[in-house]
Amino acid sequence: MDIREIQSLIKFVAKSGASEVKLEMEDIKITIKTGSSVPEATIYQTAPMATAPQVVTQAPVAQPSIAPATPAAETPASDDSKYVTIKSPIIGTFYRKASPDKPAFVEVGTDVKAGQTVCIIEAMKLFNEIESEVSGKIVKVLVDDSSPVEFDQPLFLVDPS
């Protein structure tokens, strides 16, 4: 893992809103903690037995200030209560298409069946197909394409009727 990959991982974690991420591979351990507003990363890399382990500390990356999300208070809560929410089962990057030249899995107004793929979430270079838990019609797409998503973040609203 080179420094560019580590820096992009730090930026991804900062954008995702996760408070702590630990990554352990054969010869490297990375812990990224985001506290107040500045993420920090500590990287431990094991070297050959003849030398002592190296400790590399990444300089903190300034996290852009994010305005607090305002809930949709303008619309009555009863409108959304009849819809079923499809949520993200993992942290990663949300994609509506399998590739840039393919059509989106679903659009607003698309009828979906339980088990049908509605999007892909990339996590650590693995592309995970996210399936609908219910049958119904897609009413709203709640996340922009290529955006980071958190665990349990709402992705779609589905009208099951």
N, C-alpha and C. Protein backbone atom coordinates (compact mmCIF):
# COMPACT_ATOMS: atom_id res chain seq x y z
N MET A 1 0.86 -1.17 0.00
CA MET A 1 0.00 0.00 0.00
C MET A 1 0.90 1.23 0.00
N ASP A 2 0.75 2.09 -0.99
CA ASP A 2 1.60 3.27 -1.05
C ASP A 2 0.90 4.47 -0.40
N ILE A 3 1.62 5.57 -0.31
CA ILE A 3 1.14 6.75 0.40
C ILE A 3 -0.11 7.35 -0.26
N ARG A 4 -0.21 7.26 -1.58
CA ARG A 4 -1.40 7.80 -2.26
C ARG A 4 -2.66 7.02 -1.88
N GLU A 5 -2.54 5.71 -1.79
CA GLU A 5 -3.68 4.89 -1.39
C GLU A 5 -4.08 5.20 0.06
N ILE A 6 -3.10 5.42 0.91
CA ILE A 6 -3.38 5.75 2.31
C ILE A 6 -4.06 7.11 2.40
N GLN A 7 -3.57 8.08 1.64
CA GLN A 7 -4.18 9.41 1.65
C GLN A 7 -5.61 9.37 1.14
N SER A 8 -5.86 8.61 0.09
CA SER A 8 -7.22 8.52 -0.42
C SER A 8 -8.13 7.79 0.57
N LEU A 9 -7.60 6.82 1.31
CA LEU A 9 -8.37 6.15 2.35
C LEU A 9 -8.73 7.13 3.46
N ILE A 10 -7.78 7.97 3.85
CA ILE A 10 -8.04 8.98 4.89
C ILE A 10 -9.13 9.94 4.42
N LYS A 11 -9.05 10.40 3.19
CA LYS A 11 -10.06 11.32 2.66
C LYS A 11 -11.43 10.64 2.62
N PHE A 12 -11.46 9.37 2.22
CA PHE A 12 -12.73 8.63 2.15
C PHE A 12 -13.35 8.50 3.53
N VAL A 13 -12.54 8.16 4.52
CA VAL A 13 -13.06 8.01 5.88
C VAL A 13 -13.56 9.34 6.41
N ALA A 14 -12.84 10.42 6.11
CA ALA A 14 -13.27 11.75 6.56
C ALA A 14 -14.62 12.12 5.95
N LYS A 15 -14.81 11.81 4.67
CA LYS A 15 -16.07 12.12 4.01
C LYS A 15 -17.21 11.24 4.49
N SER A 16 -16.90 10.00 4.85
CA SER A 16 -17.95 9.05 5.22
C SER A 16 -18.57 9.36 6.58
N GLY A 17 -17.85 10.07 7.42
CA GLY A 17 -18.39 10.40 8.73
C GLY A 17 -18.13 9.31 9.78
N ALA A 18 -17.39 8.28 9.41
CA ALA A 18 -17.09 7.23 10.39
C ALA A 18 -16.15 7.79 11.45
N SER A 19 -16.27 7.32 12.69
CA SER A 19 -15.43 7.84 13.75
C SER A 19 -14.09 7.10 13.84
N GLU A 20 -14.08 5.84 13.46
CA GLU A 20 -12.83 5.08 13.51
C GLU A 20 -12.87 3.93 12.52
N VAL A 21 -11.76 3.73 11.81
CA VAL A 21 -11.63 2.62 10.87
C VAL A 21 -10.29 1.96 11.11
N LYS A 22 -10.29 0.63 11.25
CA LYS A 22 -9.05 -0.13 11.41
C LYS A 22 -8.91 -1.06 10.23
N LEU A 23 -7.72 -1.11 9.66
CA LEU A 23 -7.43 -1.98 8.53
C LEU A 23 -6.16 -2.73 8.85
N GLU A 24 -6.22 -4.07 8.82
CA GLU A 24 -5.04 -4.89 9.07
C GLU A 24 -4.83 -5.82 7.90
N MET A 25 -3.63 -5.78 7.36
CA MET A 25 -3.26 -6.71 6.30
C MET A 25 -2.01 -7.44 6.78
N GLU A 26 -1.41 -8.22 5.91
CA GLU A 26 -0.27 -9.05 6.31
C GLU A 26 0.85 -8.25 6.96
N ASP A 27 1.27 -7.17 6.32
CA ASP A 27 2.44 -6.44 6.79
C ASP A 27 2.15 -5.00 7.20
N ILE A 28 0.87 -4.64 7.32
CA ILE A 28 0.55 -3.25 7.64
C ILE A 28 -0.72 -3.19 8.47
N LYS A 29 -0.74 -2.27 9.42
CA LYS A 29 -1.92 -2.00 10.23
C LYS A 29 -2.19 -0.51 10.15
N ILE A 30 -3.43 -0.14 9.83
CA ILE A 30 -3.79 1.27 9.74
C ILE A 30 -5.01 1.51 10.62
N THR A 31 -4.94 2.54 11.45
CA THR A 31 -6.08 2.97 12.25
C THR A 31 -6.32 4.43 11.94
N ILE A 32 -7.53 4.75 11.49
CA ILE A 32 -7.88 6.13 11.18
C ILE A 32 -9.00 6.53 12.13
N LYS A 33 -8.75 7.57 12.91
CA LYS A 33 -9.74 8.06 13.87
C LYS A 33 -10.10 9.49 13.50
N THR A 34 -11.39 9.74 13.43
CA THR A 34 -11.84 11.11 13.19
C THR A 34 -12.49 11.58 14.48
N GLY A 35 -11.88 12.57 15.07
CA GLY A 35 -12.39 13.09 16.33
C GLY A 35 -13.21 14.33 16.08
N SER A 36 -12.76 15.45 16.58
CA SER A 36 -13.51 16.69 16.46
C SER A 36 -13.72 17.04 15.00
N SER A 37 -12.75 17.67 14.36
CA SER A 37 -12.93 18.00 12.96
C SER A 37 -11.71 17.63 12.14
N VAL A 38 -10.70 17.01 12.78
CA VAL A 38 -9.47 16.68 12.08
C VAL A 38 -9.18 15.19 12.21
N PRO A 39 -9.24 14.44 11.08
CA PRO A 39 -8.91 13.03 11.16
C PRO A 39 -7.41 12.83 11.31
N GLU A 40 -7.02 11.79 12.01
CA GLU A 40 -5.61 11.48 12.09
C GLU A 40 -5.43 10.01 11.81
N ALA A 41 -4.29 9.65 11.27
CA ALA A 41 -4.05 8.26 10.94
C ALA A 41 -2.71 7.84 11.51
N THR A 42 -2.66 6.65 12.08
CA THR A 42 -1.42 6.08 12.55
C THR A 42 -1.22 4.79 11.77
N ILE A 43 -0.05 4.66 11.18
CA ILE A 43 0.23 3.51 10.33
C ILE A 43 1.43 2.77 10.91
N TYR A 44 1.24 1.48 11.16
CA TYR A 44 2.32 0.65 11.63
C TYR A 44 2.64 -0.35 10.54
N GLN A 45 3.89 -0.35 10.12
CA GLN A 45 4.27 -1.27 9.07
C GLN A 45 5.40 -2.13 9.60
N THR A 46 5.25 -3.44 9.49
CA THR A 46 6.31 -4.31 9.97
C THR A 46 7.38 -4.42 8.91
N ALA A 47 8.60 -4.32 9.35
CA ALA A 47 9.74 -4.38 8.45
C ALA A 47 10.38 -5.76 8.60
N PRO A 48 11.38 -6.07 7.79
CA PRO A 48 12.08 -7.35 7.95
C PRO A 48 12.61 -7.49 9.38
N MET A 49 12.83 -8.72 9.83
CA MET A 49 13.22 -9.00 11.20
C MET A 49 14.50 -8.30 11.62
N ALA A 50 15.39 -7.95 10.69
CA ALA A 50 16.66 -7.34 11.03
C ALA A 50 16.50 -5.90 11.51
N THR A 51 15.39 -5.23 11.17
CA THR A 51 15.21 -3.84 11.57
C THR A 51 14.00 -3.70 12.47
N ALA A 52 13.93 -2.59 13.15
CA ALA A 52 12.79 -2.32 14.03
C ALA A 52 11.60 -1.86 13.19
N PRO A 53 10.37 -2.03 13.70
CA PRO A 53 9.19 -1.60 12.95
C PRO A 53 9.18 -0.08 12.77
N GLN A 54 8.70 0.34 11.62
CA GLN A 54 8.58 1.76 11.32
C GLN A 54 7.23 2.26 11.79
N VAL A 55 7.19 3.48 12.27
CA VAL A 55 5.93 4.12 12.63
C VAL A 55 5.84 5.39 11.80
N VAL A 56 4.82 5.46 10.97
CA VAL A 56 4.62 6.61 10.11
C VAL A 56 3.32 7.27 10.56
N THR A 57 3.36 8.56 10.82
CA THR A 57 2.15 9.27 11.20
C THR A 57 1.82 10.25 10.10
N GLN A 58 0.62 10.11 9.57
CA GLN A 58 0.14 10.98 8.50
C GLN A 58 -0.28 12.31 9.10
N ALA A 59 0.11 13.39 8.48
CA ALA A 59 -0.32 14.71 8.95
C ALA A 59 -1.83 14.81 8.86
N PRO A 60 -2.48 15.45 9.83
CA PRO A 60 -3.94 15.58 9.78
C PRO A 60 -4.39 16.30 8.52
N VAL A 61 -5.47 15.81 7.98
CA VAL A 61 -6.06 16.41 6.79
C VAL A 61 -7.23 17.26 7.27
N ALA A 62 -7.26 18.52 6.87
CA ALA A 62 -8.34 19.40 7.30
C ALA A 62 -9.64 18.94 6.66
N GLN A 63 -10.64 18.73 7.49
CA GLN A 63 -11.94 18.29 7.00
C GLN A 63 -12.78 19.52 6.70
N PRO A 64 -13.39 19.57 5.51
CA PRO A 64 -14.19 20.74 5.19
C PRO A 64 -15.37 20.83 6.14
N SER A 65 -15.73 22.05 6.48
CA SER A 65 -16.87 22.21 7.37
C SER A 65 -18.13 21.87 6.60
N ILE A 66 -18.96 21.08 7.23
CA ILE A 66 -20.17 20.60 6.58
C ILE A 66 -21.36 21.20 7.32
N ALA A 67 -22.23 21.84 6.58
CA ALA A 67 -23.43 22.40 7.20
C ALA A 67 -24.30 21.25 7.68
N PRO A 68 -24.91 21.39 8.85
CA PRO A 68 -25.76 20.30 9.33
C PRO A 68 -26.92 20.07 8.38
N ALA A 69 -27.21 18.80 8.17
CA ALA A 69 -28.29 18.45 7.25
C ALA A 69 -29.62 18.87 7.86
N THR A 70 -30.42 19.55 7.08
CA THR A 70 -31.72 19.96 7.58
C THR A 70 -32.73 18.91 7.17
N PRO A 71 -33.46 18.35 8.12
CA PRO A 71 -34.45 17.34 7.76
C PRO A 71 -35.57 17.97 6.95
N ALA A 72 -36.24 17.15 6.19
CA ALA A 72 -37.31 17.65 5.34
C ALA A 72 -38.52 17.95 6.21
N ALA A 73 -38.46 19.05 6.94
CA ALA A 73 -39.53 19.42 7.86
C ALA A 73 -40.71 20.04 7.12
N GLU A 74 -40.48 20.45 5.88
CA GLU A 74 -41.54 21.09 5.12
C GLU A 74 -42.62 20.09 4.72
N THR A 75 -42.24 18.83 4.48
CA THR A 75 -43.21 17.82 4.07
C THR A 75 -43.74 17.12 5.32
N PRO A 76 -44.99 16.82 5.35
CA PRO A 76 -45.55 16.13 6.52
C PRO A 76 -44.91 14.75 6.69
N ALA A 77 -44.71 14.36 7.93
CA ALA A 77 -44.08 13.08 8.22
C ALA A 77 -44.95 11.91 7.77
N SER A 78 -46.25 12.12 7.68
CA SER A 78 -47.16 11.03 7.31
C SER A 78 -46.94 10.58 5.86
N ASP A 79 -46.45 11.49 5.00
CA ASP A 79 -46.21 11.11 3.61
C ASP A 79 -45.12 10.04 3.51
N ASP A 80 -44.02 10.21 4.26
CA ASP A 80 -42.92 9.27 4.19
C ASP A 80 -43.17 8.01 5.00
N SER A 81 -44.13 8.04 5.93
CA SER A 81 -44.35 6.89 6.80
C SER A 81 -44.95 5.71 6.04
N LYS A 82 -45.61 5.96 4.93
CA LYS A 82 -46.19 4.84 4.18
C LYS A 82 -45.18 4.16 3.26
N TYR A 83 -43.99 4.74 3.15
CA TYR A 83 -42.95 4.20 2.29
C TYR A 83 -41.98 3.33 3.09
N VAL A 84 -41.39 2.37 2.40
CA VAL A 84 -40.36 1.52 3.00
C VAL A 84 -39.01 2.07 2.54
N THR A 85 -38.08 2.16 3.48
CA THR A 85 -36.76 2.71 3.18
C THR A 85 -35.78 1.57 2.94
N ILE A 86 -35.04 1.65 1.82
CA ILE A 86 -33.93 0.72 1.57
C ILE A 86 -32.70 1.42 2.11
N LYS A 87 -32.01 0.76 3.07
CA LYS A 87 -30.86 1.38 3.73
C LYS A 87 -29.57 0.67 3.34
N SER A 88 -28.46 1.39 3.51
CA SER A 88 -27.15 0.84 3.20
C SER A 88 -26.72 -0.15 4.29
N PRO A 89 -26.35 -1.36 3.90
CA PRO A 89 -25.90 -2.34 4.89
C PRO A 89 -24.41 -2.18 5.24
N ILE A 90 -23.69 -1.31 4.51
CA ILE A 90 -22.25 -1.15 4.72
C ILE A 90 -21.84 0.30 4.48
N ILE A 91 -20.61 0.63 4.86
CA ILE A 91 -20.00 1.92 4.55
C ILE A 91 -19.30 1.76 3.21
N GLY A 92 -19.43 2.74 2.34
CA GLY A 92 -18.75 2.67 1.05
C GLY A 92 -19.17 3.79 0.14
N THR A 93 -18.96 3.60 -1.16
CA THR A 93 -19.33 4.58 -2.17
C THR A 93 -20.51 4.05 -2.96
N PHE A 94 -21.56 4.85 -3.05
CA PHE A 94 -22.82 4.49 -3.68
C PHE A 94 -22.76 4.71 -5.19
N TYR A 95 -23.15 3.69 -5.97
CA TYR A 95 -23.21 3.82 -7.42
C TYR A 95 -24.58 3.34 -7.90
N ARG A 96 -25.21 4.12 -8.77
CA ARG A 96 -26.53 3.74 -9.32
C ARG A 96 -26.40 2.84 -10.53
N LYS A 97 -25.19 2.77 -11.14
CA LYS A 97 -24.97 2.00 -12.36
C LYS A 97 -23.86 0.98 -12.14
N ALA A 98 -23.89 -0.10 -12.91
CA ALA A 98 -22.83 -1.10 -12.85
C ALA A 98 -21.53 -0.57 -13.44
N SER A 99 -21.63 0.31 -14.44
CA SER A 99 -20.48 0.98 -15.04
C SER A 99 -20.99 2.27 -15.68
N PRO A 100 -20.08 3.20 -15.99
CA PRO A 100 -20.53 4.49 -16.53
C PRO A 100 -21.35 4.40 -17.82
N ASP A 101 -21.11 3.37 -18.63
CA ASP A 101 -21.83 3.26 -19.91
C ASP A 101 -23.11 2.43 -19.81
N LYS A 102 -23.45 1.94 -18.62
CA LYS A 102 -24.66 1.14 -18.43
C LYS A 102 -25.78 2.02 -17.86
N PRO A 103 -27.04 1.61 -18.05
CA PRO A 103 -28.14 2.37 -17.46
C PRO A 103 -28.20 2.15 -15.94
N ALA A 104 -28.84 3.07 -15.23
CA ALA A 104 -29.01 2.95 -13.78
C ALA A 104 -29.85 1.70 -13.47
N PHE A 105 -29.59 1.08 -12.33
CA PHE A 105 -30.35 -0.11 -11.93
C PHE A 105 -31.83 0.24 -11.79
N VAL A 106 -32.11 1.37 -11.11
CA VAL A 106 -33.50 1.81 -10.92
C VAL A 106 -33.57 3.33 -11.05
N GLU A 107 -34.73 3.81 -11.44
CA GLU A 107 -35.02 5.24 -11.51
C GLU A 107 -36.28 5.47 -10.68
N VAL A 108 -36.60 6.74 -10.44
CA VAL A 108 -37.86 7.05 -9.77
C VAL A 108 -38.99 6.56 -10.67
N GLY A 109 -39.94 5.82 -10.11
CA GLY A 109 -41.04 5.25 -10.87
C GLY A 109 -40.83 3.82 -11.29
N THR A 110 -39.62 3.28 -11.11
CA THR A 110 -39.33 1.90 -11.49
C THR A 110 -40.00 0.95 -10.50
N ASP A 111 -40.64 -0.09 -11.04
CA ASP A 111 -41.20 -1.15 -10.19
C ASP A 111 -40.08 -2.13 -9.87
N VAL A 112 -39.90 -2.42 -8.58
CA VAL A 112 -38.87 -3.37 -8.16
C VAL A 112 -39.52 -4.55 -7.46
N LYS A 113 -38.82 -5.67 -7.51
CA LYS A 113 -39.26 -6.88 -6.81
C LYS A 113 -38.27 -7.15 -5.69
N ALA A 114 -38.71 -7.84 -4.67
CA ALA A 114 -37.82 -8.23 -3.59
C ALA A 114 -36.67 -9.05 -4.16
N GLY A 115 -35.45 -8.71 -3.80
CA GLY A 115 -34.28 -9.41 -4.30
C GLY A 115 -33.66 -8.79 -5.54
N GLN A 116 -34.31 -7.78 -6.11
CA GLN A 116 -33.79 -7.12 -7.31
C GLN A 116 -32.69 -6.13 -6.91
N THR A 117 -31.59 -6.10 -7.67
CA THR A 117 -30.49 -5.18 -7.40
C THR A 117 -30.94 -3.75 -7.69
N VAL A 118 -30.71 -2.85 -6.70
CA VAL A 118 -31.11 -1.45 -6.87
C VAL A 118 -29.90 -0.52 -6.99
N CYS A 119 -28.72 -0.97 -6.51
CA CYS A 119 -27.51 -0.15 -6.60
C CYS A 119 -26.30 -1.02 -6.25
N ILE A 120 -25.12 -0.38 -6.31
CA ILE A 120 -23.88 -1.04 -5.90
C ILE A 120 -23.20 -0.14 -4.89
N ILE A 121 -22.61 -0.74 -3.85
CA ILE A 121 -21.80 0.03 -2.91
C ILE A 121 -20.40 -0.57 -2.92
N GLU A 122 -19.43 0.30 -3.24
CA GLU A 122 -18.03 -0.13 -3.27
C GLU A 122 -17.42 0.08 -1.90
N ALA A 123 -16.80 -0.96 -1.38
CA ALA A 123 -16.09 -0.87 -0.11
C ALA A 123 -14.77 -1.62 -0.25
N MET A 124 -13.68 -0.92 -0.10
CA MET A 124 -12.34 -1.50 -0.18
C MET A 124 -12.13 -2.28 -1.49
N LYS A 125 -12.50 -1.66 -2.59
CA LYS A 125 -12.33 -2.21 -3.94
C LYS A 125 -13.22 -3.42 -4.22
N LEU A 126 -14.21 -3.67 -3.36
CA LEU A 126 -15.18 -4.73 -3.61
C LEU A 126 -16.52 -4.08 -3.92
N PHE A 127 -17.17 -4.54 -4.97
CA PHE A 127 -18.45 -3.99 -5.38
C PHE A 127 -19.57 -4.90 -4.89
N ASN A 128 -20.39 -4.37 -3.98
CA ASN A 128 -21.46 -5.14 -3.34
C ASN A 128 -22.81 -4.73 -3.93
N GLU A 129 -23.53 -5.69 -4.51
CA GLU A 129 -24.86 -5.40 -5.05
C GLU A 129 -25.83 -5.31 -3.89
N ILE A 130 -26.61 -4.23 -3.86
CA ILE A 130 -27.61 -4.03 -2.82
C ILE A 130 -28.97 -4.35 -3.42
N GLU A 131 -29.68 -5.25 -2.76
CA GLU A 131 -30.97 -5.71 -3.27
C GLU A 131 -32.12 -5.12 -2.46
N SER A 132 -33.24 -4.96 -3.12
CA SER A 132 -34.46 -4.47 -2.46
C SER A 132 -35.01 -5.56 -1.55
N GLU A 133 -35.45 -5.15 -0.36
CA GLU A 133 -36.06 -6.11 0.55
C GLU A 133 -37.55 -6.26 0.28
N VAL A 134 -38.13 -5.31 -0.46
CA VAL A 134 -39.58 -5.30 -0.70
C VAL A 134 -39.88 -5.11 -2.18
N SER A 135 -41.08 -5.48 -2.56
CA SER A 135 -41.56 -5.20 -3.91
C SER A 135 -42.36 -3.90 -3.85
N GLY A 136 -42.27 -3.12 -4.90
CA GLY A 136 -42.99 -1.86 -4.94
C GLY A 136 -42.44 -0.94 -6.01
N LYS A 137 -42.71 0.35 -5.87
CA LYS A 137 -42.28 1.35 -6.84
C LYS A 137 -41.31 2.32 -6.17
N ILE A 138 -40.18 2.59 -6.83
CA ILE A 138 -39.20 3.56 -6.31
C ILE A 138 -39.85 4.94 -6.35
N VAL A 139 -39.92 5.59 -5.18
CA VAL A 139 -40.53 6.91 -5.07
C VAL A 139 -39.46 8.00 -5.07
N LYS A 140 -38.32 7.70 -4.42
CA LYS A 140 -37.28 8.72 -4.30
C LYS A 140 -35.92 8.07 -4.16
N VAL A 141 -34.91 8.65 -4.83
CA VAL A 141 -33.51 8.26 -4.67
C VAL A 141 -32.92 9.29 -3.71
N LEU A 142 -32.41 8.84 -2.56
CA LEU A 142 -31.98 9.75 -1.51
C LEU A 142 -30.50 10.08 -1.52
N VAL A 143 -29.71 9.43 -2.39
CA VAL A 143 -28.26 9.62 -2.40
C VAL A 143 -27.81 9.91 -3.83
N ASP A 144 -26.87 10.84 -3.98
CA ASP A 144 -26.29 11.15 -5.29
C ASP A 144 -25.34 10.04 -5.71
N ASP A 145 -25.22 9.83 -7.02
CA ASP A 145 -24.31 8.83 -7.55
C ASP A 145 -22.87 9.17 -7.17
N SER A 146 -22.07 8.17 -6.87
CA SER A 146 -20.65 8.29 -6.50
C SER A 146 -20.44 9.02 -5.18
N SER A 147 -21.43 8.99 -4.30
CA SER A 147 -21.31 9.64 -2.99
C SER A 147 -20.97 8.61 -1.92
N PRO A 148 -20.22 9.02 -0.89
CA PRO A 148 -19.97 8.10 0.21
C PRO A 148 -21.24 7.92 1.03
N VAL A 149 -21.47 6.70 1.49
CA VAL A 149 -22.63 6.40 2.34
C VAL A 149 -22.16 5.71 3.61
N GLU A 150 -22.96 5.85 4.66
CA GLU A 150 -22.67 5.24 5.94
C GLU A 150 -23.54 4.01 6.15
N PHE A 151 -23.19 3.24 7.15
CA PHE A 151 -24.01 2.10 7.53
C PHE A 151 -25.38 2.59 7.94
N ASP A 152 -26.42 1.93 7.46
CA ASP A 152 -27.81 2.22 7.82
C ASP A 152 -28.33 3.55 7.27
N GLN A 153 -27.61 4.15 6.32
CA GLN A 153 -28.07 5.40 5.71
C GLN A 153 -29.17 5.09 4.70
N PRO A 154 -30.29 5.82 4.72
CA PRO A 154 -31.35 5.60 3.74
C PRO A 154 -30.87 5.88 2.30
N LEU A 155 -31.19 4.96 1.38
CA LEU A 155 -30.78 5.10 -0.02
C LEU A 155 -31.97 5.38 -0.93
N PHE A 156 -33.08 4.64 -0.73
CA PHE A 156 -34.26 4.75 -1.58
C PHE A 156 -35.51 4.71 -0.72
N LEU A 157 -36.58 5.34 -1.23
CA LEU A 157 -37.91 5.18 -0.65
C LEU A 157 -38.73 4.38 -1.64
N VAL A 158 -39.42 3.34 -1.15
CA VAL A 158 -40.21 2.45 -1.98
C VAL A 158 -41.65 2.46 -1.50
N ASP A 159 -42.57 2.62 -2.44
CA ASP A 159 -44.00 2.54 -2.13
C ASP A 159 -44.41 1.08 -2.32
N PRO A 160 -44.70 0.36 -1.25
CA PRO A 160 -45.00 -1.07 -1.38
C PRO A 160 -46.40 -1.36 -1.90
N SER A 161 -47.27 -0.35 -2.01
CA SER A 161 -48.65 -0.62 -2.43
C SER A 161 -48.77 -0.86 -3.93
